[in-house]
C-alpha atoms as a PDB file:
ATOM      1  CA  MET A   1     127.553 106.871  88.509  1.00  0.00           C
ATOM      2  CA  PRO A   2     127.007 103.104  88.969  1.00  0.00           C
ATOM      3  CA  ALA A   3     124.587 101.582  86.686  1.00  0.00           C
ATOM      4  CA  HIS A   4     121.386 100.079  87.597  1.00  0.00           C
ATOM      5  CA  SER A   5     121.588  96.287  88.000  1.00  0.00           C
ATOM      6  CA  ALA A   6     120.023  93.968  85.307  1.00  0.00           C
ATOM      7  CA  PRO A   7     116.403  93.833  85.362  1.00  0.00           C
ATOM      8  CA  GLY A   8     115.092  91.029  87.451  1.00  0.00           C
ATOM      9  CA  ALA A   9     118.189  90.547  89.580  1.00  0.00           C
ATOM     10  CA  SER A  10     116.975  89.593  93.019  1.00  0.00           C
ATOM     11  CA  VAL A  11     118.470  91.689  95.822  1.00  0.00           C
ATOM     12  CA  ALA A  12     117.808  92.183  99.531  1.00  0.00           C
ATOM     13  CA  PRO A  13     116.484  95.603 100.392  1.00  0.00           C
ATOM     14  CA  HIS A  14     119.413  96.555 102.669  1.00  0.00           C
ATOM     15  CA  ASP A  15     121.947  95.291  99.896  1.00  0.00           C
ATOM     16  CA  TYR A  16     120.117  97.315  97.315  1.00  0.00           C
ATOM     17  CA  LEU A  17     120.191 100.478  99.367  1.00  0.00           C
ATOM     18  CA  ALA A  18     123.960  99.984 100.094  1.00  0.00           C
ATOM     19  CA  ARG A  19     124.646  99.877  96.403  1.00  0.00           C
ATOM     20  CA  HIS A  20     122.979 103.333  95.696  1.00  0.00           C
ATOM     21  CA  PRO A  21     125.453 105.645  94.188  1.00  0.00           C
ATOM     22  CA  ARG A  22     127.190 107.988  96.499  1.00  0.00           C
ATOM     23  CA  PHE A  23     127.905 111.769  95.873  1.00  0.00           C
ATOM     24  CA  ASP A  24     131.479 112.568  94.948  1.00  0.00           C
ATOM     25  CA  PRO A  25     132.455 116.199  94.980  1.00  0.00           C
ATOM     26  CA  ALA A  26     135.757 115.645  93.249  1.00  0.00           C
ATOM     27  CA  GLY A  27     135.982 117.943  90.242  1.00  0.00           C
ATOM     28  CA  LEU A  28     133.156 120.090  91.376  1.00  0.00           C
ATOM     29  CA  THR A  29     133.210 123.710  92.764  1.00  0.00           C
ATOM     30  CA  ARG A  30     131.060 124.872  95.566  1.00  0.00           C
ATOM     31  CA  LEU A  31     128.800 127.835  94.822  1.00  0.00           C
ATOM     32  CA  TRP A  32     128.268 130.153  97.743  1.00  0.00           C
ATOM     33  CA  LEU A  33     125.666 132.857  98.435  1.00  0.00           C
ATOM     34  CA  LEU A  34     125.618 135.194 101.511  1.00  0.00           C
ATOM     35  CA  GLY A  35     128.284 133.018 103.089  1.00  0.00           C
ATOM     36  CA  MET A  36     126.298 129.866 102.727  1.00  0.00           C
ATOM     37  CA  PRO A  37     126.741 126.856 100.485  1.00  0.00           C
ATOM     38  CA  LEU A  38     124.198 126.921  97.892  1.00  0.00           C
ATOM     39  CA  GLY A  39     125.121 124.533  94.974  1.00  0.00           C
ATOM     40  CA  TRP A  40     127.719 122.523  93.090  1.00  0.00           C
ATOM     41  CA  LEU A  41     129.361 123.528  89.751  1.00  0.00           C
ATOM     42  CA  GLU A  42     130.901 121.260  87.181  1.00  0.00           C
ATOM     43  CA  ALA A  43     133.870 122.759  85.292  1.00  0.00           C
ATOM     44  CA  PRO A  44     131.914 123.741  82.127  1.00  0.00           C
ATOM     45  CA  THR A  45     129.205 125.461  84.118  1.00  0.00           C
ATOM     46  CA  LEU A  46     131.777 127.261  86.289  1.00  0.00           C
ATOM     47  CA  ARG A  47     133.574 128.628  83.147  1.00  0.00           C
ATOM     48  CA  PHE A  48     130.449 129.663  81.568  1.00  0.00           C
ATOM     49  CA  LEU A  49     129.043 131.476  84.644  1.00  0.00           C
ATOM     50  CA  THR A  50     132.284 133.326  85.567  1.00  0.00           C
ATOM     51  CA  ARG A  51     132.392 134.591  81.897  1.00  0.00           C
ATOM     52  CA  PHE A  52     128.666 135.365  81.780  1.00  0.00           C
ATOM     53  CA  ASP A  53     128.501 137.713  84.748  1.00  0.00           C
ATOM     54  CA  ALA A  54     131.120 139.219  87.012  1.00  0.00           C
ATOM     55  CA  ALA A  55     128.854 138.358  89.993  1.00  0.00           C
ATOM     56  CA  PHE A  56     130.189 134.917  89.940  1.00  0.00           C
ATOM     57  CA  ARG A  57     133.581 135.426  91.499  1.00  0.00           C
ATOM     58  CA  GLN A  58     136.089 132.715  91.991  1.00  0.00           C
ATOM     59  CA  VAL A  59     137.461 132.805  95.794  1.00  0.00           C
ATOM     60  CA  GLY A  60     140.331 130.353  95.541  1.00  0.00           C
ATOM     61  CA  GLU A  61     139.791 127.064  97.402  1.00  0.00           C
ATOM     62  CA  PHE A  62     136.529 128.203  98.686  1.00  0.00           C
ATOM     63  CA  GLY A  63     134.631 127.980  95.372  1.00  0.00           C
ATOM     64  CA  VAL A  64     132.681 130.593  93.582  1.00  0.00           C
ATOM     65  CA  GLN A  65     130.833 133.332  95.541  1.00  0.00           C
ATOM     66  CA  LEU A  66     127.612 134.773  93.732  1.00  0.00           C
ATOM     67  CA  GLN A  67     127.974 138.231  94.876  1.00  0.00           C
ATOM     68  CA  ALA A  68     124.507 139.762  95.575  1.00  0.00           C
ATOM     69  CA  GLU A  69     123.117 141.696  98.462  1.00  0.00           C
ATOM     70  CA  THR A  70     119.892 139.834  98.907  1.00  0.00           C
ATOM     71  CA  PRO A  71     118.468 136.437  97.934  1.00  0.00           C
ATOM     72  CA  ALA A  72     115.925 138.229  95.576  1.00  0.00           C
ATOM     73  CA  GLU A  73     118.971 139.901  93.708  1.00  0.00           C
ATOM     74  CA  ALA A  74     120.760 136.465  93.462  1.00  0.00           C
ATOM     75  CA  GLY A  75     117.601 134.827  92.206  1.00  0.00           C
ATOM     76  CA  ALA A  76     117.435 137.380  89.260  1.00  0.00           C
ATOM     77  CA  ILE A  77     121.094 136.712  88.404  1.00  0.00           C
ATOM     78  CA  LEU A  78     120.552 133.024  88.446  1.00  0.00           C
ATOM     79  CA  GLU A  79     117.410 133.432  86.282  1.00  0.00           C
ATOM     80  CA  ARG A  80     119.321 135.228  83.682  1.00  0.00           C
ATOM     81  CA  ALA A  81     122.166 132.620  83.941  1.00  0.00           C
ATOM     82  CA  ALA A  82     119.823 129.709  83.536  1.00  0.00           C
ATOM     83  CA  ARG A  83     118.207 131.254  80.271  1.00  0.00           C
ATOM     84  CA  ALA A  84     121.662 131.837  78.930  1.00  0.00           C
ATOM     85  CA  MET A  85     122.765 128.313  79.794  1.00  0.00           C
ATOM     86  CA  ARG A  86     119.692 127.091  77.991  1.00  0.00           C
ATOM     87  CA  GLU A  87     120.620 128.896  74.968  1.00  0.00           C
ATOM     88  CA  ASN A  88     124.087 127.529  75.267  1.00  0.00           C
ATOM     89  CA  GLY A  89     122.923 123.945  75.557  1.00  0.00           C
ATOM     90  CA  LEU A  90     124.047 123.457  79.276  1.00  0.00           C
ATOM     91  CA  VAL A  91     120.461 123.400  80.525  1.00  0.00           C
ATOM     92  CA  ARG A  92     117.954 121.124  78.636  1.00  0.00           C
ATOM     93  CA  GLY A  93     114.442 120.008  79.127  1.00  0.00           C
ATOM     94  CA  TRP A  94     113.184 123.356  79.991  1.00  0.00           C
ATOM     95  CA  ARG A  95     109.827 123.054  81.752  1.00  0.00           C
ATOM     96  CA  ASN A  96     108.570 126.569  82.575  1.00  0.00           C
ATOM     97  CA  GLU A  97     108.045 125.343  85.986  1.00  0.00           C
ATOM     98  CA  ARG A  98     109.672 126.824  89.017  1.00  0.00           C
ATOM     99  CA  TYR A  99     111.165 125.200  92.125  1.00  0.00           C
ATOM    100  CA  THR A 100     111.823 127.053  95.347  1.00  0.00           C
ATOM    101  CA  VAL A 101     115.374 127.614  96.521  1.00  0.00           C
ATOM    102  CA  TYR A 102     115.625 127.739 100.317  1.00  0.00           C
ATOM    103  CA  ALA A 103     118.242 129.260 102.602  1.00  0.00           C
ATOM    104  CA  PRO A 104     120.798 126.592 103.184  1.00  0.00           C
ATOM    105  CA  LEU A 105     121.773 125.197 106.404  1.00  0.00           C
ATOM    106  CA  GLY A 106     125.526 124.541 107.304  1.00  0.00           C
ATOM    107  CA  ASP A 107     125.610 121.114 105.491  1.00  0.00           C
ATOM    108  CA  GLY A 108     123.747 122.678 102.471  1.00  0.00           C
ATOM    109  CA  ALA A 109     120.438 121.069 103.473  1.00  0.00           C
ATOM    110  CA  PRO A 110     117.516 123.488 102.779  1.00  0.00           C
ATOM    111  CA  ASP A 111     115.900 125.430 105.714  1.00  0.00           C
ATOM    112  CA  LEU A 112     112.256 124.868 104.682  1.00  0.00           C
ATOM    113  CA  ASP A 113     111.200 127.771 106.994  1.00  0.00           C
ATOM    114  CA  GLN A 114     113.256 130.240 104.758  1.00  0.00           C
ATOM    115  CA  PRO A 115     112.301 130.297 101.060  1.00  0.00           C
ATOM    116  CA  TRP A 116     114.680 132.564  99.214  1.00  0.00           C
ATOM    117  CA  PHE A 117     113.505 132.647  95.552  1.00  0.00           C
ATOM    118  CA  ALA A 118     112.259 130.503  92.722  1.00  0.00           C
ATOM    119  CA  LEU A 119     114.020 129.268  89.645  1.00  0.00           C
ATOM    120  CA  GLU A 120     113.256 127.192  86.534  1.00  0.00           C
ATOM    121  CA  ARG A 121     113.512 123.510  87.694  1.00  0.00           C
ATOM    122  CA  ALA A 122     115.564 122.449  84.667  1.00  0.00           C
ATOM    123  CA  ALA A 123     118.491 124.546  86.000  1.00  0.00           C
ATOM    124  CA  PHE A 124     118.623 122.761  89.466  1.00  0.00           C
ATOM    125  CA  ARG A 125     120.880 119.936  88.527  1.00  0.00           C
ATOM    126  CA  ARG A 126     123.108 122.066  86.505  1.00  0.00           C
ATOM    127  CA  LEU A 127     123.709 124.472  89.410  1.00  0.00           C
ATOM    128  CA  GLY A 128     123.643 121.583  92.054  1.00  0.00           C
ATOM    129  CA  LEU A 129     120.739 123.312  93.935  1.00  0.00           C
ATOM    130  CA  VAL A 130     118.636 121.192  96.368  1.00  0.00           C
ATOM    131  CA  SER A 131     115.069 120.442  94.990  1.00  0.00           C
ATOM    132  CA  ARG A 132     112.074 118.828  96.695  1.00  0.00           C
ATOM    133  CA  ALA A 133     109.814 116.011  95.435  1.00  0.00           C
ATOM    134  CA  VAL A 134     106.962 113.754  96.719  1.00  0.00           C
ATOM    135  CA  HIS A 135     106.870 109.908  96.370  1.00  0.00           C
ATOM    136  CA  ILE A 136     103.843 107.925  97.021  1.00  0.00           C
ATOM    137  CA  ASN A 137     103.845 104.192  97.839  1.00  0.00           C
ATOM    138  CA  GLY A 138     100.263 102.723  96.883  1.00  0.00           C
ATOM    139  CA  TYR A 139      99.686  99.380  98.684  1.00  0.00           C
ATOM    140  CA  THR A 140      96.825  97.016  99.438  1.00  0.00           C
ATOM    141  CA  ALA A 141      95.646  94.972 102.370  1.00  0.00           C
ATOM    142  CA  ALA A 142      96.906  91.835 100.386  1.00  0.00           C
ATOM    143  CA  ARG A 143     100.464  93.079 100.772  1.00  0.00           C
ATOM    144  CA  THR A 144     100.892  94.213  97.189  1.00  0.00           C
ATOM    145  CA  LEU A 145     102.313  97.428  95.785  1.00  0.00           C
ATOM    146  CA  TRP A 146     101.075  99.144  92.660  1.00  0.00           C
ATOM    147  CA  VAL A 147     103.980 100.621  90.702  1.00  0.00           C
ATOM    148  CA  GLY A 148     104.223 102.582  87.438  1.00  0.00           C
ATOM    149  CA  ARG A 149     106.486 102.334  84.478  1.00  0.00           C
ATOM    150  CA  ARG A 150     107.753 105.646  83.223  1.00  0.00           C
ATOM    151  CA  ALA A 151     106.737 106.759  79.598  1.00  0.00           C
ATOM    152  CA  ALA A 152     109.331 105.995  77.178  1.00  0.00           C
ATOM    153  CA  ASP A 153     109.534 109.685  76.215  1.00  0.00           C
ATOM    154  CA  LYS A 154     110.488 110.911  79.669  1.00  0.00           C
ATOM    155  CA  SER A 155     113.639 113.045  79.707  1.00  0.00           C
ATOM    156  CA  ILE A 156     114.839 111.335  82.919  1.00  0.00           C
ATOM    157  CA  ASP A 157     114.861 107.441  83.402  1.00  0.00           C
ATOM    158  CA  PRO A 158     112.527 106.609  80.627  1.00  0.00           C
ATOM    159  CA  GLY A 159     110.918 103.091  80.976  1.00  0.00           C
ATOM    160  CA  ARG A 160     112.068 102.540  84.426  1.00  0.00           C
ATOM    161  CA  LEU A 161     109.798 101.350  87.130  1.00  0.00           C
ATOM    162  CA  ASP A 162     108.508 104.136  89.686  1.00  0.00           C
ATOM    163  CA  ASN A 163     106.246 104.551  92.622  1.00  0.00           C
ATOM    164  CA  LEU A 164     102.541 104.864  92.250  1.00  0.00           C
ATOM    165  CA  ALA A 165     102.960 108.465  91.792  1.00  0.00           C
ATOM    166  CA  ALA A 166     105.885 110.814  92.173  1.00  0.00           C
ATOM    167  CA  GLY A 167     106.813 114.422  91.107  1.00  0.00           C
ATOM    168  CA  GLY A 168     108.700 117.564  91.939  1.00  0.00           C
ATOM    169  CA  LEU A 169     107.355 120.097  94.283  1.00  0.00           C
ATOM    170  CA  PRO A 170     106.759 123.457  92.434  1.00  0.00           C
ATOM    171  CA  GLN A 171     106.796 126.927  94.013  1.00  0.00           C
ATOM    172  CA  GLY A 172     103.776 127.697  96.003  1.00  0.00           C
ATOM    173  CA  GLU A 173     102.454 124.174  96.364  1.00  0.00           C
ATOM    174  CA  THR A 174     102.408 122.339  99.720  1.00  0.00           C
ATOM    175  CA  THR A 175     103.637 118.784  99.908  1.00  0.00           C
ATOM    176  CA  PHE A 176     100.188 117.394 100.487  1.00  0.00           C
ATOM    177  CA  ASP A 177      98.669 119.389  97.526  1.00  0.00           C
ATOM    178  CA  CYS A 178     101.367 118.098  95.457  1.00  0.00           C
ATOM    179  CA  VAL A 179     100.670 114.420  96.553  1.00  0.00           C
ATOM    180  CA  VAL A 180      96.945 114.997  95.779  1.00  0.00           C
ATOM    181  CA  ARG A 181      97.692 116.441  92.297  1.00  0.00           C
ATOM    182  CA  GLU A 182     100.429 113.817  91.324  1.00  0.00           C
ATOM    183  CA  LEU A 183      98.210 110.922  92.423  1.00  0.00           C
ATOM    184  CA  TRP A 184      95.401 112.132  90.092  1.00  0.00           C
ATOM    185  CA  GLU A 185      97.597 113.114  87.182  1.00  0.00           C
ATOM    186  CA  GLU A 186      99.914 109.970  87.173  1.00  0.00           C
ATOM    187  CA  ALA A 187      97.508 107.351  88.671  1.00  0.00           C
ATOM    188  CA  GLY A 188      93.930 108.533  88.388  1.00  0.00           C
ATOM    189  CA  VAL A 189      93.414 108.498  92.138  1.00  0.00           C
ATOM    190  CA  PRO A 190      90.238 110.623  93.155  1.00  0.00           C
ATOM    191  CA  ALA A 191      90.876 113.463  95.615  1.00  0.00           C
ATOM    192  CA  GLU A 192      88.800 111.812  98.278  1.00  0.00           C
ATOM    193  CA  LEU A 193      90.987 108.685  98.279  1.00  0.00           C
ATOM    194  CA  ALA A 194      94.241 110.640  97.741  1.00  0.00           C
ATOM    195  CA  ALA A 195      93.414 112.687 100.845  1.00  0.00           C
ATOM    196  CA  LEU A 196      94.006 109.448 102.896  1.00  0.00           C
ATOM    197  CA  ALA A 197      97.744 109.381 101.973  1.00  0.00           C
ATOM    198  CA  ARG A 198      99.899 109.295 105.205  1.00  0.00           C
ATOM    199  CA  PRO A 199     103.258 111.120 105.350  1.00  0.00           C
ATOM    200  CA  GLY A 200     106.344 108.945 105.984  1.00  0.00           C
ATOM    201  CA  ASP A 201     109.902 110.092 106.369  1.00  0.00           C
ATOM    202  CA  SER A 202     111.756 112.527 104.352  1.00  0.00           C
ATOM    203  CA  ILE A 203     114.994 111.443 102.679  1.00  0.00           C
ATOM    204  CA  ARG A 204     117.736 113.566 101.200  1.00  0.00           C
ATOM    205  CA  VAL A 205     119.485 111.920  98.158  1.00  0.00           C
ATOM    206  CA  THR A 206     122.590 113.435  96.495  1.00  0.00           C
ATOM    207  CA  ARG A 207     124.480 111.884  93.584  1.00  0.00           C
ATOM    208  CA  ASN A 208     126.450 112.884  90.462  1.00  0.00           C
ATOM    209  CA  GLU A 209     124.388 112.771  87.190  1.00  0.00           C
ATOM    210  CA  PRO A 210     125.292 113.486  83.589  1.00  0.00           C
ATOM    211  CA  ASP A 211     123.352 116.740  83.728  1.00  0.00           C
ATOM    212  CA  GLY A 212     124.944 117.964  87.128  1.00  0.00           C
ATOM    213  CA  THR A 213     124.245 117.197  90.738  1.00  0.00           C
ATOM    214  CA  HIS A 214     120.930 115.563  91.798  1.00  0.00           C
ATOM    215  CA  ASP A 215     120.330 116.841  95.287  1.00  0.00           C
ATOM    216  CA  GLU A 216     116.768 116.370  96.389  1.00  0.00           C
ATOM    217  CA  MET A 217     114.589 115.966  99.433  1.00  0.00           C
ATOM    218  CA  LEU A 218     112.113 113.171  98.977  1.00  0.00           C
ATOM    219  CA  HIS A 219     108.961 113.504 101.004  1.00  0.00           C
ATOM    220  CA  CYS A 220     107.419 109.983 101.120  1.00  0.00           C
ATOM    221  CA  TYR A 221     103.843 109.194 101.590  1.00  0.00           C
ATOM    222  CA  ASP A 222     101.940 105.909 101.895  1.00  0.00           C
ATOM    223  CA  LEU A 223      98.322 105.297 100.564  1.00  0.00           C
ATOM    224  CA  ALA A 224      96.313 102.199 101.216  1.00  0.00           C
ATOM    225  CA  LEU A 225      94.378 101.304  98.053  1.00  0.00           C
ATOM    226  CA  PRO A 226      90.963  99.493  97.879  1.00  0.00           C
ATOM    227  CA  ALA A 227      91.213  95.962  96.458  1.00  0.00           C
ATOM    228  CA  ASP A 228      89.012  97.002  93.471  1.00  0.00           C
ATOM    229  CA  PHE A 229      91.158 100.050  92.538  1.00  0.00           C
ATOM    230  CA  THR A 230      93.116 100.023  89.383  1.00  0.00           C
ATOM    231  CA  PRO A 231      95.491 103.096  88.606  1.00  0.00           C
ATOM    232  CA  ARG A 232      95.124 104.665  85.290  1.00  0.00           C
ATOM    233  CA  ASN A 233      97.423 107.392  83.920  1.00  0.00           C
ATOM    234  CA  VAL A 234      95.976 110.851  82.990  1.00  0.00           C
ATOM    235  CA  ASP A 235      98.771 113.029  82.065  1.00  0.00           C
ATOM    236  CA  GLY A 236     100.711 110.787  79.745  1.00  0.00           C
ATOM    237  CA  GLU A 237     103.879 110.401  81.812  1.00  0.00           C
ATOM    238  CA  VAL A 238     103.330 106.735  82.873  1.00  0.00           C
ATOM    239  CA  ALA A 239     103.237 103.900  80.258  1.00  0.00           C
ATOM    240  CA  GLY A 240     101.339 101.558  82.572  1.00  0.00           C
ATOM    241  CA  PHE A 241     100.907 100.066  85.976  1.00  0.00           C
ATOM    242  CA  MET A 242     101.600  96.699  87.586  1.00  0.00           C
ATOM    243  CA  GLN A 243     100.656  95.125  90.886  1.00  0.00           C
ATOM    244  CA  LEU A 244     103.456  93.406  92.620  1.00  0.00           C
ATOM    245  CA  ASP A 245     103.734  91.119  95.715  1.00  0.00           C
ATOM    246  CA  ALA A 246     106.463  91.695  98.164  1.00  0.00           C
ATOM    247  CA  ALA A 247     108.874  89.139  96.697  1.00  0.00           C
ATOM    248  CA  THR A 248     108.412  90.299  93.169  1.00  0.00           C
ATOM    249  CA  ALA A 249     108.901  93.896  94.245  1.00  0.00           C
ATOM    250  CA  LEU A 250     112.167  93.016  95.936  1.00  0.00           C
ATOM    251  CA  ALA A 251     113.281  91.109  92.849  1.00  0.00           C
ATOM    252  CA  ARG A 252     112.594  93.961  90.569  1.00  0.00           C
ATOM    253  CA  LEU A 253     114.091  96.805  92.719  1.00  0.00           C
ATOM    254  CA  PRO A 254     117.114  97.145  90.115  1.00  0.00           C
ATOM    255  CA  GLU A 255     114.415  98.034  87.484  1.00  0.00           C
ATOM    256  CA  PHE A 256     113.349 101.165  89.548  1.00  0.00           C
ATOM    257  CA  THR A 257     114.696 104.647  89.168  1.00  0.00           C
ATOM    258  CA  TRP A 258     117.274 105.223  92.001  1.00  0.00           C
ATOM    259  CA  ASP A 259     114.860 107.416  93.911  1.00  0.00           C
ATOM    260  CA  ALA A 260     111.683 105.272  93.587  1.00  0.00           C
ATOM    261  CA  GLY A 261     113.806 102.146  94.359  1.00  0.00           C
ATOM    262  CA  MET A 262     115.040 103.705  97.566  1.00  0.00           C
ATOM    263  CA  VAL A 263     111.540 104.778  98.585  1.00  0.00           C
ATOM    264  CA  THR A 264     110.212 101.208  97.929  1.00  0.00           C
ATOM    265  CA  ALA A 265     112.919  99.567  99.642  1.00  0.00           C
ATOM    266  CA  ARG A 266     112.582 101.559 102.603  1.00  0.00           C
ATOM    267  CA  PHE A 267     108.688 100.788 102.685  1.00  0.00           C
ATOM    268  CA  LEU A 268     109.335  97.063 102.460  1.00  0.00           C
ATOM    269  CA  ILE A 269     111.799  97.307 105.248  1.00  0.00           C
ATOM    270  CA  ALA A 270     109.570  99.399 107.536  1.00  0.00           C
ATOM    271  CA  HIS A 271     106.657  97.239 106.972  1.00  0.00           C
ATOM    272  CA  HIS A 272     108.600  93.988 107.291  1.00  0.00           C
ATOM    273  CA  TRP A 273     107.367  92.742 103.813  1.00  0.00           C
ATOM    274  CA  ARG A 274     109.543  89.849 102.482  1.00  0.00           C
END
């Protein structure tokens, strides 16, 4: 995967988006369930799963079929496999938090009207499953953005810049409830202010990562913040916050996580901030 540019390197938002890493399926094997494309497997994961359970059956050039009669049965098999991969070291950063796996459409995108089962979030990248997350741009009438810096002990992208708040969508939570919760936990935004967040677009991002395939639906929200509001972290996952004008935000895009940088760049473009 391409490395982030050096901190402080100025870049136009369209150029920045064009430099984002692209997904390369070379060397990966498609995981199928009930005739539908479910995930992507790296070679070590493929070897482990086919030895772990005969339900993972290689079907030549078409990939690996998870043999199960129902989504619930498949979920139980993947749950056992995820725990075994954790013991084997293939899955790290276990969170005891479950994400929903949805019925896939033809291109593998999730059919959000058809939840299938839930699985530990730490296993999603290793299995190449599609996850969901919320990202919130916090902005002011003075055309500034509040952004956070991820804590140094975060397992993914420690120390990089992030949106005002962002987080994965756990099983059983709506996107808006997730927005309100994340705004409080990460930025200390009270519920009555968080309720004013407005939905933007949804973006699907897919790229190769050292721990598997990152395939995620980003549900973007924008929140207008009062001039006298200063974010404060509550859950320990953010090292601090900074308020950036448009020019500075553009210049510092390479310091963001890939996903937060994409969300920020698209906000700047949509609102014609330069």
